[in-house]
N, C-alpha and C. Protein backbone atom coordinates (compact mmCIF):
# COMPACT_ATOMS: atom_id res chain seq x y z
N MET A 1 13.96 1.82 -11.15
CA MET A 1 12.61 2.22 -10.83
C MET A 1 11.56 1.55 -11.72
N PRO A 2 11.81 1.23 -13.00
CA PRO A 2 10.78 0.59 -13.80
C PRO A 2 10.25 -0.71 -13.21
N ILE A 3 11.08 -1.47 -12.48
CA ILE A 3 10.60 -2.69 -11.85
C ILE A 3 9.49 -2.36 -10.86
N LEU A 4 9.67 -1.30 -10.08
CA LEU A 4 8.63 -0.89 -9.14
C LEU A 4 7.35 -0.49 -9.85
N LEU A 5 7.51 0.06 -11.04
CA LEU A 5 6.35 0.56 -11.77
C LEU A 5 5.58 -0.55 -12.48
N THR A 6 6.18 -1.72 -12.63
CA THR A 6 5.55 -2.77 -13.43
C THR A 6 5.27 -4.03 -12.61
N LEU A 7 4.99 -3.87 -11.34
CA LEU A 7 4.72 -5.01 -10.47
C LEU A 7 3.43 -5.71 -10.85
N LEU A 8 3.34 -6.99 -10.54
CA LEU A 8 2.10 -7.73 -10.75
C LEU A 8 1.15 -7.52 -9.58
N ARG A 9 -0.12 -7.48 -9.86
CA ARG A 9 -1.12 -7.24 -8.82
C ARG A 9 -1.21 -8.43 -7.88
N ARG A 10 -1.17 -8.15 -6.57
CA ARG A 10 -1.33 -9.19 -5.57
C ARG A 10 -2.61 -8.98 -4.77
N GLY A 11 -3.18 -7.77 -4.82
CA GLY A 11 -4.46 -7.47 -4.18
C GLY A 11 -4.42 -7.42 -2.67
N MET A 12 -4.96 -6.37 -2.09
CA MET A 12 -5.04 -6.22 -0.64
C MET A 12 -6.39 -5.59 -0.30
N ALA A 13 -7.09 -6.19 0.63
CA ALA A 13 -8.36 -5.64 1.10
C ALA A 13 -8.08 -4.70 2.26
N SER A 14 -8.90 -3.67 2.40
CA SER A 14 -8.71 -2.71 3.48
C SER A 14 -10.06 -2.17 3.91
N SER A 15 -10.15 -1.81 5.18
CA SER A 15 -11.38 -1.20 5.68
C SER A 15 -11.24 0.32 5.71
N TYR A 16 -10.16 0.85 5.15
CA TYR A 16 -9.92 2.28 5.17
C TYR A 16 -10.99 3.03 4.39
N VAL A 17 -11.44 4.16 4.93
CA VAL A 17 -12.41 5.02 4.27
C VAL A 17 -11.65 6.18 3.63
N ALA A 18 -11.73 6.29 2.31
CA ALA A 18 -11.01 7.34 1.59
C ALA A 18 -11.31 8.71 2.16
N GLY A 19 -10.28 9.52 2.33
CA GLY A 19 -10.42 10.88 2.82
C GLY A 19 -10.33 11.01 4.33
N THR A 20 -10.17 9.91 5.06
CA THR A 20 -10.08 9.97 6.51
C THR A 20 -8.81 10.67 6.96
N HIS A 21 -7.72 10.49 6.23
CA HIS A 21 -6.44 11.11 6.56
C HIS A 21 -6.00 12.04 5.43
N SER A 22 -5.05 12.90 5.73
CA SER A 22 -4.52 13.84 4.74
C SER A 22 -3.01 13.83 4.77
N VAL A 23 -2.41 14.31 3.71
CA VAL A 23 -0.97 14.50 3.63
C VAL A 23 -0.71 15.99 3.81
N ALA A 24 0.26 16.33 4.65
CA ALA A 24 0.65 17.72 4.84
C ALA A 24 2.09 17.88 4.38
N TYR A 25 2.32 18.72 3.40
CA TYR A 25 3.68 19.01 2.95
C TYR A 25 4.20 20.16 3.79
N VAL A 26 5.34 19.97 4.42
CA VAL A 26 5.91 20.96 5.32
C VAL A 26 7.35 21.23 4.91
N THR A 27 7.72 22.50 4.84
CA THR A 27 9.12 22.84 4.56
C THR A 27 9.82 23.14 5.88
N ALA A 28 11.13 22.91 5.87
CA ALA A 28 11.96 23.20 7.04
C ALA A 28 13.27 23.79 6.54
N PRO A 29 13.88 24.69 7.30
CA PRO A 29 15.09 25.34 6.84
C PRO A 29 16.33 24.45 6.88
N SER A 30 16.25 23.32 7.59
CA SER A 30 17.41 22.43 7.66
C SER A 30 16.96 21.02 8.03
N GLU A 31 17.86 20.05 7.84
CA GLU A 31 17.57 18.67 8.22
C GLU A 31 17.39 18.56 9.73
N GLU A 32 18.14 19.35 10.47
CA GLU A 32 18.03 19.34 11.93
C GLU A 32 16.62 19.75 12.39
N VAL A 33 16.10 20.81 11.81
CA VAL A 33 14.76 21.27 12.15
C VAL A 33 13.73 20.23 11.70
N ALA A 34 13.91 19.68 10.52
CA ALA A 34 12.98 18.66 10.02
C ALA A 34 12.94 17.45 10.94
N GLN A 35 14.09 17.04 11.44
CA GLN A 35 14.14 15.89 12.34
C GLN A 35 13.37 16.18 13.64
N LYS A 36 13.49 17.40 14.13
CA LYS A 36 12.76 17.76 15.35
C LYS A 36 11.25 17.76 15.11
N LEU A 37 10.84 18.18 13.92
CA LEU A 37 9.42 18.23 13.59
C LEU A 37 8.84 16.85 13.31
N ALA A 38 9.68 15.91 12.90
CA ALA A 38 9.21 14.61 12.44
C ALA A 38 9.17 13.55 13.54
N ARG A 39 9.00 13.95 14.75
CA ARG A 39 8.89 12.99 15.85
C ARG A 39 7.56 12.25 15.74
N TYR A 40 7.62 10.98 16.08
CA TYR A 40 6.40 10.19 16.09
C TYR A 40 6.48 9.13 17.17
N GLU A 41 5.33 8.66 17.60
CA GLU A 41 5.28 7.62 18.62
C GLU A 41 5.12 6.27 17.95
N TRP A 42 5.92 5.32 18.39
CA TRP A 42 5.81 3.94 17.91
C TRP A 42 6.04 3.00 19.08
N LYS A 43 5.04 2.21 19.38
CA LYS A 43 5.11 1.25 20.48
C LYS A 43 5.50 1.91 21.79
N GLY A 44 4.88 3.07 22.07
CA GLY A 44 5.08 3.74 23.34
C GLY A 44 6.36 4.55 23.45
N GLU A 45 7.14 4.63 22.40
CA GLU A 45 8.39 5.40 22.44
C GLU A 45 8.36 6.51 21.39
N ILE A 46 9.00 7.63 21.71
CA ILE A 46 9.12 8.74 20.76
C ILE A 46 10.36 8.49 19.90
N ASN A 47 10.17 8.57 18.57
CA ASN A 47 11.25 8.34 17.61
C ASN A 47 11.54 9.60 16.82
N GLU A 48 12.79 9.76 16.42
CA GLU A 48 13.24 10.87 15.58
C GLU A 48 14.11 10.32 14.46
N ASP A 49 13.56 9.45 13.66
CA ASP A 49 14.33 8.85 12.57
C ASP A 49 14.50 9.83 11.42
N VAL A 50 15.65 9.78 10.78
CA VAL A 50 15.86 10.50 9.54
C VAL A 50 15.39 9.57 8.43
N GLU A 51 14.45 10.02 7.63
CA GLU A 51 13.90 9.19 6.57
C GLU A 51 14.12 9.85 5.22
N VAL A 52 14.05 9.06 4.18
CA VAL A 52 14.17 9.53 2.81
C VAL A 52 12.80 9.40 2.16
N LEU A 53 12.31 10.47 1.56
CA LEU A 53 11.02 10.46 0.89
C LEU A 53 11.21 10.02 -0.56
N MET A 54 10.51 8.99 -0.96
CA MET A 54 10.50 8.54 -2.35
C MET A 54 9.17 8.93 -2.97
N MET A 55 9.21 9.40 -4.20
CA MET A 55 7.98 9.66 -4.95
C MET A 55 7.98 8.70 -6.13
N ILE A 56 7.14 7.69 -6.05
CA ILE A 56 7.06 6.69 -7.11
C ILE A 56 5.80 6.97 -7.91
N LYS A 57 5.98 7.22 -9.19
CA LYS A 57 4.85 7.52 -10.04
C LYS A 57 4.40 6.23 -10.73
N THR A 58 3.10 5.99 -10.72
CA THR A 58 2.54 4.80 -11.34
C THR A 58 1.09 5.06 -11.68
N ARG A 59 0.43 4.10 -12.25
CA ARG A 59 -1.00 4.23 -12.51
C ARG A 59 -1.76 4.05 -11.19
N THR A 60 -2.83 4.80 -11.03
CA THR A 60 -3.64 4.69 -9.83
C THR A 60 -4.12 3.25 -9.63
N SER A 61 -4.44 2.58 -10.70
CA SER A 61 -4.93 1.20 -10.62
C SER A 61 -3.87 0.21 -10.13
N ARG A 62 -2.60 0.65 -10.06
CA ARG A 62 -1.52 -0.24 -9.65
C ARG A 62 -1.02 0.04 -8.24
N ILE A 63 -1.66 0.97 -7.51
CA ILE A 63 -1.20 1.35 -6.17
C ILE A 63 -1.22 0.19 -5.19
N ASP A 64 -2.24 -0.64 -5.22
CA ASP A 64 -2.32 -1.76 -4.27
C ASP A 64 -1.12 -2.69 -4.42
N GLU A 65 -0.75 -3.01 -5.65
CA GLU A 65 0.38 -3.92 -5.84
C GLU A 65 1.71 -3.24 -5.50
N LEU A 66 1.81 -1.94 -5.74
CA LEU A 66 3.01 -1.21 -5.33
C LEU A 66 3.13 -1.23 -3.82
N SER A 67 2.01 -0.99 -3.14
CA SER A 67 2.00 -1.01 -1.68
C SER A 67 2.43 -2.37 -1.15
N GLN A 68 1.93 -3.43 -1.74
CA GLN A 68 2.31 -4.79 -1.33
C GLN A 68 3.81 -5.02 -1.54
N TYR A 69 4.34 -4.57 -2.68
CA TYR A 69 5.76 -4.73 -2.97
C TYR A 69 6.61 -4.00 -1.92
N VAL A 70 6.23 -2.77 -1.60
CA VAL A 70 6.98 -1.99 -0.61
C VAL A 70 6.92 -2.68 0.75
N ARG A 71 5.72 -3.10 1.17
CA ARG A 71 5.59 -3.80 2.46
C ARG A 71 6.45 -5.06 2.50
N SER A 72 6.54 -5.76 1.41
CA SER A 72 7.32 -7.00 1.36
C SER A 72 8.82 -6.76 1.40
N ASN A 73 9.25 -5.56 1.05
CA ASN A 73 10.68 -5.28 0.94
C ASN A 73 11.18 -4.19 1.88
N HIS A 74 10.33 -3.69 2.75
CA HIS A 74 10.67 -2.57 3.64
C HIS A 74 11.03 -3.10 5.02
N PRO A 75 12.03 -2.49 5.68
CA PRO A 75 12.41 -2.98 7.01
C PRO A 75 11.45 -2.60 8.14
N TYR A 76 10.60 -1.59 7.94
CA TYR A 76 9.67 -1.18 9.00
C TYR A 76 8.55 -2.20 9.13
N GLU A 77 8.09 -2.41 10.35
CA GLU A 77 6.93 -3.27 10.59
C GLU A 77 5.68 -2.68 9.93
N VAL A 78 5.54 -1.36 10.04
CA VAL A 78 4.44 -0.63 9.40
C VAL A 78 5.07 0.50 8.60
N CYS A 79 5.18 0.32 7.29
CA CYS A 79 5.82 1.35 6.46
C CYS A 79 4.77 2.28 5.85
N GLU A 80 5.22 3.46 5.51
CA GLU A 80 4.32 4.47 4.93
C GLU A 80 4.24 4.29 3.43
N VAL A 81 3.04 4.04 2.95
CA VAL A 81 2.74 4.07 1.52
C VAL A 81 1.37 4.73 1.41
N ILE A 82 1.34 5.92 0.86
CA ILE A 82 0.08 6.63 0.62
C ILE A 82 0.11 7.12 -0.81
N SER A 83 -1.05 7.37 -1.37
CA SER A 83 -1.10 7.84 -2.76
C SER A 83 -2.00 9.06 -2.88
N LEU A 84 -1.65 9.90 -3.80
CA LEU A 84 -2.44 11.07 -4.15
C LEU A 84 -2.59 11.05 -5.67
N PRO A 85 -3.79 11.24 -6.20
CA PRO A 85 -3.94 11.23 -7.66
C PRO A 85 -3.29 12.46 -8.29
N ILE A 86 -2.75 12.29 -9.47
CA ILE A 86 -2.20 13.40 -10.25
C ILE A 86 -3.36 14.02 -11.01
N GLU A 87 -3.66 15.27 -10.74
CA GLU A 87 -4.77 15.96 -11.39
C GLU A 87 -4.33 16.65 -12.69
N ASN A 88 -3.07 17.07 -12.73
CA ASN A 88 -2.59 17.79 -13.90
C ASN A 88 -1.08 17.73 -13.88
N GLY A 89 -0.42 17.99 -14.99
CA GLY A 89 1.02 17.99 -15.02
C GLY A 89 1.55 18.12 -16.43
N ASN A 90 2.84 17.91 -16.58
CA ASN A 90 3.51 17.98 -17.87
C ASN A 90 3.06 16.79 -18.73
N ALA A 91 2.30 17.07 -19.77
CA ALA A 91 1.69 16.02 -20.60
C ALA A 91 2.71 15.00 -21.13
N PRO A 92 3.87 15.42 -21.65
CA PRO A 92 4.82 14.41 -22.12
C PRO A 92 5.31 13.48 -20.99
N TYR A 93 5.47 14.01 -19.80
CA TYR A 93 5.89 13.18 -18.67
C TYR A 93 4.78 12.19 -18.30
N LEU A 94 3.55 12.66 -18.22
CA LEU A 94 2.43 11.79 -17.89
C LEU A 94 2.23 10.72 -18.98
N ASP A 95 2.47 11.10 -20.22
CA ASP A 95 2.40 10.12 -21.32
C ASP A 95 3.47 9.05 -21.13
N TRP A 96 4.66 9.47 -20.70
CA TRP A 96 5.75 8.50 -20.46
C TRP A 96 5.34 7.50 -19.39
N ILE A 97 4.72 7.96 -18.29
CA ILE A 97 4.26 7.04 -17.25
C ILE A 97 3.28 6.04 -17.85
N SER A 98 2.36 6.52 -18.68
CA SER A 98 1.39 5.63 -19.31
C SER A 98 2.06 4.60 -20.20
N GLU A 99 3.13 5.00 -20.87
CA GLU A 99 3.86 4.08 -21.75
C GLU A 99 4.65 3.03 -20.96
N ILE A 100 5.28 3.43 -19.88
CA ILE A 100 6.20 2.55 -19.14
C ILE A 100 5.48 1.62 -18.16
N VAL A 101 4.30 2.05 -17.67
CA VAL A 101 3.56 1.25 -16.69
C VAL A 101 2.36 0.62 -17.39
N PRO A 102 2.37 -0.69 -17.54
CA PRO A 102 1.23 -1.34 -18.22
C PRO A 102 -0.06 -1.17 -17.43
N LYS A 103 -1.17 -1.17 -18.13
CA LYS A 103 -2.47 -1.14 -17.46
C LYS A 103 -2.64 -2.43 -16.67
N LYS A 104 -3.38 -2.34 -15.59
CA LYS A 104 -3.68 -3.50 -14.77
C LYS A 104 -4.55 -4.45 -15.56
N GLU A 105 -4.21 -5.71 -15.48
CA GLU A 105 -4.99 -6.70 -16.25
C GLU A 105 -6.06 -7.33 -15.43
């Protein structure tokens, strides 16, 4: 994981307006129920893929380069990479992220 956290900036421009979309955390009693709830349309077809959620912690200033790295290495044509700022948490853990992930230059 440290390699993902220390990527070099490649820069990506976007016309996205912050706050247009939201993340909804949903619990399900089983993988079967989760799969039924996670249907989505892609290229005119309904899909029910089983996916694995990764939570990659990094500096907010490094999200663009992380997103580029994921897009370059992900098998999906359009992969999901979204970020939410950390407002509060375990100080020693947050300090560790600051130590392991260099500031953007």
